[in-house]
Amino acid sequence: MNTGSLALLIPILAILGSFIVSIMKLRERQIRAASEHDSHNNSLLKEVSALRDRVEVLERLVTDDSYGLTQKINNA
């Protein structure tokens, strides 16, 4: 290999190496962001589930016959 080829090969390898490093860093950021989104989604799902349970309890209270009687007493 002559010096001219070597002089061209070194910058080409340096450029390719920097592209590879950039791609690896980007993939690492994407994986980290995906895991953060997953944990955030899980916490939101838990919160929605808890709120649904509370709404079910409130619906049972409102549709209960004794609640209607209490409302009539309070309005009288």
C-alpha atoms as a PDB file:
ATOM      1  CA  MET A   1       0.000   0.000   0.000  1.00  0.00           C
ATOM      2  CA  ASN A   2       1.490   3.311  -0.987  1.00  0.00           C
ATOM      3  CA  THR A   3       1.413   6.501   1.075  1.00  0.00           C
ATOM      4  CA  GLY A   4      -1.228   8.123  -1.135  1.00  0.00           C
ATOM      5  CA  SER A   5      -3.694   5.302  -0.473  1.00  0.00           C
ATOM      6  CA  LEU A   6      -2.920   5.380   3.214  1.00  0.00           C
ATOM      7  CA  ALA A   7      -3.406   9.144   3.323  1.00  0.00           C
ATOM      8  CA  LEU A   8      -6.905   8.693   1.839  1.00  0.00           C
ATOM      9  CA  LEU A   9      -7.775   5.671   3.945  1.00  0.00           C
ATOM     10  CA  ILE A  10      -7.126   7.296   7.353  1.00  0.00           C
ATOM     11  CA  PRO A  11      -9.645  10.179   6.961  1.00  0.00           C
ATOM     12  CA  ILE A  12     -12.235   7.833   5.451  1.00  0.00           C
ATOM     13  CA  LEU A  13     -11.914   5.476   8.427  1.00  0.00           C
ATOM     14  CA  ALA A  14     -12.105   8.409  10.846  1.00  0.00           C
ATOM     15  CA  ILE A  15     -15.312   9.657   9.205  1.00  0.00           C
ATOM     16  CA  LEU A  16     -16.862   6.185   9.230  1.00  0.00           C
ATOM     17  CA  GLY A  17     -15.867   5.729  12.856  1.00  0.00           C
ATOM     18  CA  SER A  18     -17.506   9.001  13.856  1.00  0.00           C
ATOM     19  CA  PHE A  19     -20.703   7.977  12.049  1.00  0.00           C
ATOM     20  CA  ILE A  20     -20.729   4.653  13.867  1.00  0.00           C
ATOM     21  CA  VAL A  21     -20.232   6.352  17.238  1.00  0.00           C
ATOM     22  CA  SER A  22     -23.022   8.821  16.462  1.00  0.00           C
ATOM     23  CA  ILE A  23     -25.388   6.005  15.514  1.00  0.00           C
ATOM     24  CA  MET A  24     -24.578   4.108  18.723  1.00  0.00           C
ATOM     25  CA  LYS A  25     -25.229   7.193  20.864  1.00  0.00           C
ATOM     26  CA  LEU A  26     -28.531   7.805  19.083  1.00  0.00           C
ATOM     27  CA  ARG A  27     -29.655   4.211  19.657  1.00  0.00           C
ATOM     28  CA  GLU A  28     -28.737   4.479  23.337  1.00  0.00           C
ATOM     29  CA  ARG A  29     -30.824   7.670  23.671  1.00  0.00           C
ATOM     30  CA  GLN A  30     -33.743   6.016  21.891  1.00  0.00           C
ATOM     31  CA  ILE A  31     -33.633   3.007  24.204  1.00  0.00           C
ATOM     32  CA  ARG A  32     -33.480   5.258  27.271  1.00  0.00           C
ATOM     33  CA  ALA A  33     -36.397   7.370  26.016  1.00  0.00           C
ATOM     34  CA  ALA A  34     -38.455   4.261  25.261  1.00  0.00           C
ATOM     35  CA  SER A  35     -37.929   2.893  28.764  1.00  0.00           C
ATOM     36  CA  GLU A  36     -38.890   6.267  30.273  1.00  0.00           C
ATOM     37  CA  HIS A  37     -42.045   6.300  28.148  1.00  0.00           C
ATOM     38  CA  ASP A  38     -42.889   2.763  29.228  1.00  0.00           C
ATOM     39  CA  SER A  39     -42.546   3.595  32.914  1.00  0.00           C
ATOM     40  CA  HIS A  40     -44.615   6.761  32.450  1.00  0.00           C
ATOM     41  CA  ASN A  41     -47.302   4.797  30.584  1.00  0.00           C
ATOM     42  CA  ASN A  42     -47.401   2.190  33.351  1.00  0.00           C
ATOM     43  CA  SER A  43     -47.900   4.851  36.006  1.00  0.00           C
ATOM     44  CA  LEU A  44     -50.680   6.436  33.938  1.00  0.00           C
ATOM     45  CA  LEU A  45     -52.373   3.052  33.510  1.00  0.00           C
ATOM     46  CA  LYS A  46     -52.279   2.507  37.275  1.00  0.00           C
ATOM     47  CA  GLU A  47     -53.761   5.959  37.869  1.00  0.00           C
ATOM     48  CA  VAL A  48     -56.540   5.364  35.334  1.00  0.00           C
ATOM     49  CA  SER A  49     -57.330   2.037  36.964  1.00  0.00           C
ATOM     50  CA  ALA A  50     -57.548   3.659  40.402  1.00  0.00           C
ATOM     51  CA  LEU A  51     -59.807   6.406  39.029  1.00  0.00           C
ATOM     52  CA  ARG A  52     -62.089   3.836  37.390  1.00  0.00           C
ATOM     53  CA  ASP A  53     -62.407   2.043  40.719  1.00  0.00           C
ATOM     54  CA  ARG A  54     -63.348   5.313  42.416  1.00  0.00           C
ATOM     55  CA  VAL A  55     -65.921   6.099  39.737  1.00  0.00           C
ATOM     56  CA  GLU A  56     -67.464   2.643  40.160  1.00  0.00           C
ATOM     57  CA  VAL A  57     -67.799   3.245  43.894  1.00  0.00           C
ATOM     58  CA  LEU A  58     -69.383   6.645  43.286  1.00  0.00           C
ATOM     59  CA  GLU A  59     -71.800   5.153  40.754  1.00  0.00           C
ATOM     60  CA  ARG A  60     -72.820   2.509  43.285  1.00  0.00           C
ATOM     61  CA  LEU A  61     -73.398   5.177  45.912  1.00  0.00           C
ATOM     62  CA  VAL A  62     -75.488   7.352  43.605  1.00  0.00           C
ATOM     63  CA  THR A  63     -77.628   4.490  42.301  1.00  0.00           C
ATOM     64  CA  ASP A  64     -78.187   3.059  45.787  1.00  0.00           C
ATOM     65  CA  ASP A  65     -81.771   3.451  47.064  1.00  0.00           C
ATOM     66  CA  SER A  66     -80.693   4.896  50.407  1.00  0.00           C
ATOM     67  CA  TYR A  67     -78.857   7.700  48.598  1.00  0.00           C
ATOM     68  CA  GLY A  68     -82.103   8.774  46.917  1.00  0.00           C
ATOM     69  CA  LEU A  69     -83.874   8.776  50.275  1.00  0.00           C
ATOM     70  CA  THR A  70     -81.093  10.908  51.797  1.00  0.00           C
ATOM     71  CA  GLN A  71     -81.394  13.364  48.898  1.00  0.00           C
ATOM     72  CA  LYS A  72     -85.172  13.633  49.435  1.00  0.00           C
ATOM     73  CA  ILE A  73     -84.645  14.271  53.159  1.00  0.00           C
ATOM     74  CA  ASN A  74     -81.994  16.922  52.473  1.00  0.00           C
ATOM     75  CA  ASN A  75     -84.183  18.679  49.862  1.00  0.00           C
ATOM     76  CA  ALA A  76     -87.291  18.726  52.083  1.00  0.00           C
END
